[in-house]
Amino acid sequence: MAEIQTKRQVVLDTETTGLSTADDHRIIEIGCVELINRRLTGETFHQYVNPEREIDAGAMEVHGITNEALADKPKFAEIVDDFMRFIDGAELIIHNAAFDVGFLDHELHKIETESRTLNTICTILDTLKLARDKHPGQKNNLDALCRRYEVDNSNRELHGALLDSEILADVYLAMTGGQTSLSLTAEVVSRDKTQAKKTGISRTKKREPLPVIKANDDELEAHNAHLQRLEKASDGQCVWLRKSE
């Protein structure tokens, strides 16, 4: 019997003090969720980071994280080992990967004893590029993809790394075809509440499972008519009709 290979993916998002590492802007939040064989495992990595600099006002309007909230949080160098262990060997799934990877590598370069970059320990999949290839000429930001794939992002009043990585996981699974169980376990929700109490920053709420929208009678009739046309055009070789027999 052939051995079943396990595919581990980590959906990742960050929040930062500003837009450009050229101005030495820094990471202030990292959020990751784990997928194994296209299923959420409930394993997460979530950390707020003291950036050792002020947050731009424009960035603060986006994510709502204040300088005061980060004053007692660890510096990146203090959490880097835990973070790198969590992502090691995984395929990273990131929306607009160049931004997050650039900031994470910028942080790694600041640590004198650190020689690794993200692409030396991970492969990287950019869901923005994937979305642009699938939907050229359309809006492909995360909110637009949520609308297109009917992913609930009603809790996304402000950007947050963990919440956005959870939403991106749902979008990625929908975009790459294949419905799966997306809800996190009660244990994970409880752990998130405890973490929120410790950090003093809380923006995520447990989202309901994605709705399953069934076809109505008219849609089923149109679908069956389309299959009959395929059957005729393929000289009786429509595989979808064979599966239904």
Protein backbone atom coordinates (compact mmCIF):
# COMPACT_ATOMS: atom_id res chain seq x y z
CA MET A 1 0.00 0.00 0.00
CA ALA A 2 1.37 3.43 -1.00
CA GLU A 3 2.29 5.72 1.89
CA ILE A 4 0.02 8.74 2.20
CA GLN A 5 2.09 11.91 2.15
CA THR A 6 1.27 14.65 4.64
CA LYS A 7 1.20 18.19 3.30
CA ARG A 8 1.68 20.86 5.95
CA GLN A 9 0.78 24.46 5.15
CA VAL A 10 0.86 27.55 7.33
CA VAL A 11 -1.37 30.50 6.47
CA LEU A 12 0.42 33.64 7.63
CA ASP A 13 -0.29 37.34 8.04
CA THR A 14 1.49 40.24 9.73
CA GLU A 15 0.71 43.76 10.88
CA THR A 16 3.40 46.46 10.81
CA THR A 17 4.25 49.98 11.95
CA GLY A 18 4.11 51.26 8.37
CA LEU A 19 4.40 50.35 4.72
CA SER A 20 8.10 50.12 3.91
CA THR A 21 11.16 48.41 5.35
CA ALA A 22 13.21 51.10 3.56
CA ASP A 23 11.99 53.44 6.33
CA ASP A 24 12.83 50.75 8.89
CA HIS A 25 9.20 49.96 9.64
CA ARG A 26 8.80 46.90 11.81
CA ILE A 27 6.46 43.98 12.50
CA ILE A 28 4.05 44.36 15.41
CA GLU A 29 1.90 41.25 15.04
CA ILE A 30 2.26 37.78 13.50
CA GLY A 31 -0.66 35.40 13.04
CA CYS A 32 -0.48 31.87 11.63
CA VAL A 33 -2.88 28.95 11.31
CA GLU A 34 -1.88 25.42 10.35
CA LEU A 35 -3.39 23.27 7.61
CA ILE A 36 -2.55 19.61 7.18
CA ASN A 37 -3.89 17.95 4.05
CA ARG A 38 -6.18 20.96 3.51
CA ARG A 39 -7.76 20.81 6.97
CA LEU A 40 -7.38 23.30 9.79
CA THR A 41 -5.75 21.54 12.71
CA GLY A 42 -6.46 24.19 15.36
CA GLU A 43 -2.73 24.81 15.82
CA THR A 44 -1.87 28.52 15.67
CA PHE A 45 0.99 30.90 16.26
CA HIS A 46 -0.01 34.38 17.40
CA GLN A 47 2.29 37.01 18.83
CA TYR A 48 2.28 40.75 19.35
CA VAL A 49 5.74 42.30 19.06
CA ASN A 50 7.34 45.43 20.48
CA PRO A 51 8.70 47.16 17.34
CA GLU A 52 11.06 49.48 19.21
CA ARG A 53 9.68 52.45 17.26
CA GLU A 54 6.49 54.46 16.83
CA ILE A 55 3.57 53.23 14.73
CA ASP A 56 2.52 55.47 11.84
CA ALA A 57 -0.91 57.04 12.29
CA GLY A 58 -2.09 55.62 8.96
CA ALA A 59 -1.11 52.10 9.96
CA MET A 60 -2.82 52.48 13.32
CA GLU A 61 -6.07 53.36 11.56
CA VAL A 62 -5.86 50.06 9.66
CA HIS A 63 -5.10 47.65 12.49
CA GLY A 64 -6.03 49.59 15.64
CA ILE A 65 -2.91 48.55 17.55
CA THR A 66 -1.40 51.35 19.65
CA ASN A 67 2.14 52.03 20.82
CA GLU A 68 0.96 51.70 24.42
CA ALA A 69 -0.49 48.24 23.81
CA LEU A 70 2.87 46.97 22.58
CA ALA A 71 5.08 48.54 25.23
CA ASP A 72 5.28 45.37 27.34
CA LYS A 73 5.35 42.87 24.45
CA PRO A 74 8.51 40.89 23.54
CA LYS A 75 10.87 42.04 20.81
CA PHE A 76 11.13 40.04 17.60
CA ALA A 77 14.50 38.57 18.59
CA GLU A 78 12.85 37.13 21.71
CA ILE A 79 10.16 35.22 19.79
CA VAL A 80 12.05 34.36 16.59
CA ASP A 81 12.95 30.80 17.60
CA ASP A 82 9.34 29.87 18.44
CA PHE A 83 8.13 31.45 15.21
CA MET A 84 10.73 29.75 13.01
CA ARG A 85 10.00 26.37 14.61
CA PHE A 86 6.30 26.78 13.85
CA ILE A 87 6.80 27.51 10.14
CA ASP A 88 9.85 25.28 9.51
CA GLY A 89 9.34 23.00 6.53
CA ALA A 90 5.84 24.22 5.73
CA GLU A 91 4.42 25.81 2.61
CA LEU A 92 3.57 29.37 3.64
CA ILE A 93 0.30 30.73 2.22
CA ILE A 94 0.38 34.53 2.23
CA HIS A 95 -1.71 37.19 0.50
CA ASN A 96 0.69 39.63 -1.20
CA ALA A 97 3.62 37.53 -0.02
CA ALA A 98 6.30 40.03 -1.03
CA PHE A 99 5.11 42.42 1.69
CA ASP A 100 5.06 39.97 4.62
CA VAL A 101 8.16 38.06 3.54
CA GLY A 102 10.04 41.33 3.07
CA PHE A 103 9.17 42.47 6.59
CA LEU A 104 9.99 39.11 8.18
CA ASP A 105 13.33 38.90 6.38
CA HIS A 106 14.00 42.50 7.45
CA GLU A 107 13.51 41.45 11.06
CA LEU A 108 15.72 38.39 10.61
CA HIS A 109 18.52 40.49 9.10
CA LYS A 110 18.54 42.64 12.23
CA ILE A 111 19.53 39.66 14.40
CA GLU A 112 23.31 39.24 14.18
CA THR A 113 23.21 35.55 15.04
CA GLU A 114 20.43 34.76 12.53
CA SER A 115 21.47 33.67 9.02
CA ARG A 116 18.16 32.22 7.84
CA THR A 117 15.56 33.81 5.59
CA LEU A 118 12.04 32.52 5.08
CA ASN A 119 12.69 30.88 1.73
CA THR A 120 15.55 28.83 3.19
CA ILE A 121 13.17 26.93 5.48
CA CYS A 122 9.81 27.22 3.67
CA THR A 123 8.21 27.32 0.27
CA ILE A 124 5.89 30.25 -0.33
CA LEU A 125 2.56 30.47 -2.16
CA ASP A 126 1.21 33.96 -2.90
CA THR A 127 -2.59 33.91 -2.94
CA LEU A 128 -2.69 37.39 -4.51
CA LYS A 129 -0.84 36.06 -7.57
CA LEU A 130 -3.08 32.99 -7.56
CA ALA A 131 -6.19 35.19 -7.44
CA ARG A 132 -4.92 37.47 -10.23
CA ASP A 133 -4.28 34.43 -12.43
CA LYS A 134 -7.80 33.12 -11.75
CA HIS A 135 -9.59 36.49 -11.88
CA PRO A 136 -7.64 38.85 -14.16
CA GLY A 137 -8.82 42.45 -14.22
CA GLN A 138 -10.86 42.10 -11.03
CA LYS A 139 -10.29 43.26 -7.46
CA ASN A 140 -8.37 40.58 -5.63
CA ASN A 141 -7.83 42.00 -2.16
CA LEU A 142 -8.94 39.82 0.75
CA ASP A 143 -12.30 41.54 1.17
CA ALA A 144 -13.08 41.15 -2.54
CA LEU A 145 -12.15 37.46 -2.42
CA CYS A 146 -14.38 36.97 0.61
CA ARG A 147 -17.31 38.37 -1.34
CA ARG A 148 -16.46 36.29 -4.41
CA TYR A 149 -16.14 33.02 -2.50
CA GLU A 150 -18.84 33.77 0.09
CA VAL A 151 -16.43 33.67 3.03
CA ASP A 152 -17.77 35.37 6.14
CA ASN A 153 -15.54 38.31 7.12
CA SER A 154 -18.16 40.22 9.11
CA ASN A 155 -15.84 40.36 12.14
CA ARG A 156 -13.13 42.14 10.13
CA GLU A 157 -13.75 45.70 11.27
CA LEU A 158 -9.99 46.17 11.67
CA HIS A 159 -7.10 44.22 10.21
CA GLY A 160 -5.60 41.66 12.58
CA ALA A 161 -2.93 39.11 11.75
CA LEU A 162 -4.61 36.07 13.33
CA LEU A 163 -8.11 36.89 12.13
CA ASP A 164 -6.84 37.64 8.61
CA SER A 165 -4.88 34.38 8.47
CA GLU A 166 -8.03 32.48 9.49
CA ILE A 167 -10.05 34.26 6.79
CA LEU A 168 -7.31 33.70 4.21
CA ALA A 169 -7.30 29.98 5.03
CA ASP A 170 -11.03 29.84 4.23
CA VAL A 171 -10.51 31.82 1.01
CA TYR A 172 -7.55 29.68 -0.07
CA LEU A 173 -9.47 26.44 0.44
CA ALA A 174 -12.47 27.80 -1.48
CA MET A 175 -10.31 29.28 -4.25
CA THR A 176 -8.39 26.05 -4.80
CA GLY A 177 -11.51 23.92 -4.87
CA GLY A 178 -12.58 21.62 -2.08
CA GLN A 179 -14.93 22.21 0.77
CA THR A 180 -13.62 21.09 4.14
CA SER A 181 -14.29 21.48 7.83
CA LEU A 182 -13.19 25.01 8.65
CA SER A 183 -14.37 25.48 12.21
CA LEU A 184 -11.85 25.53 15.03
CA THR A 185 -12.31 23.41 18.12
CA ALA A 186 -13.70 24.74 21.39
CA GLU A 187 -10.27 24.19 22.92
CA VAL A 188 -8.68 26.60 20.45
CA VAL A 189 -11.37 29.23 21.02
CA SER A 190 -10.81 28.99 24.77
CA ARG A 191 -7.05 29.35 24.29
CA ASP A 192 -7.57 32.44 22.13
CA LYS A 193 -9.71 34.05 24.86
CA THR A 194 -6.99 33.37 27.43
CA GLN A 195 -4.37 34.89 25.12
CA ALA A 196 -6.51 37.99 24.62
CA LYS A 197 -6.65 38.50 28.39
CA LYS A 198 -2.85 38.26 28.59
CA THR A 199 -2.13 40.65 25.72
CA GLY A 200 -4.88 43.18 26.37
CA ILE A 201 -5.63 43.21 22.63
CA SER A 202 -8.65 41.33 21.35
CA ARG A 203 -10.27 41.55 17.93
CA THR A 204 -11.10 38.03 16.89
CA LYS A 205 -14.41 36.32 17.45
CA LYS A 206 -15.37 32.73 16.67
CA ARG A 207 -16.88 32.71 13.22
CA GLU A 208 -19.70 30.40 12.26
CA PRO A 209 -18.94 27.59 9.75
CA LEU A 210 -19.27 28.57 6.10
CA PRO A 211 -22.81 28.15 4.78
CA VAL A 212 -23.47 25.35 2.25
CA ILE A 213 -25.70 26.80 -0.47
CA LYS A 214 -27.62 24.11 -2.33
CA ALA A 215 -28.82 24.48 -5.89
CA ASN A 216 -32.53 25.20 -6.37
CA ASP A 217 -34.79 23.28 -8.79
CA ASP A 218 -34.19 25.72 -11.68
CA GLU A 219 -30.41 25.53 -11.22
CA LEU A 220 -30.52 21.72 -11.08
CA GLU A 221 -32.59 21.63 -14.26
CA ALA A 222 -30.13 23.96 -16.04
CA HIS A 223 -27.21 21.85 -14.79
CA ASN A 224 -28.76 18.61 -16.06
CA ALA A 225 -29.50 20.23 -19.43
CA HIS A 226 -25.85 21.30 -19.65
CA LEU A 227 -24.72 17.74 -18.89
CA GLN A 228 -26.94 16.41 -21.65
CA ARG A 229 -25.34 18.86 -24.10
CA LEU A 230 -21.90 17.65 -22.98
CA GLU A 231 -23.04 14.06 -23.41
CA LYS A 232 -24.10 14.74 -26.95
CA ALA A 233 -20.98 16.74 -27.85
CA SER A 234 -18.65 14.07 -26.40
CA ASP A 235 -20.45 11.18 -28.10
CA GLY A 236 -21.62 9.66 -24.87
CA GLN A 237 -18.45 10.26 -22.82
CA CYS A 238 -19.67 12.77 -20.20
CA VAL A 239 -17.99 11.49 -17.02
CA TRP A 240 -20.32 13.43 -14.72
CA LEU A 241 -23.31 11.48 -16.04
CA ARG A 242 -21.38 8.22 -15.59
CA LYS A 243 -20.71 9.13 -11.91
CA SER A 244 -24.42 9.72 -11.29
CA GLU A 245 -25.46 6.34 -12.70
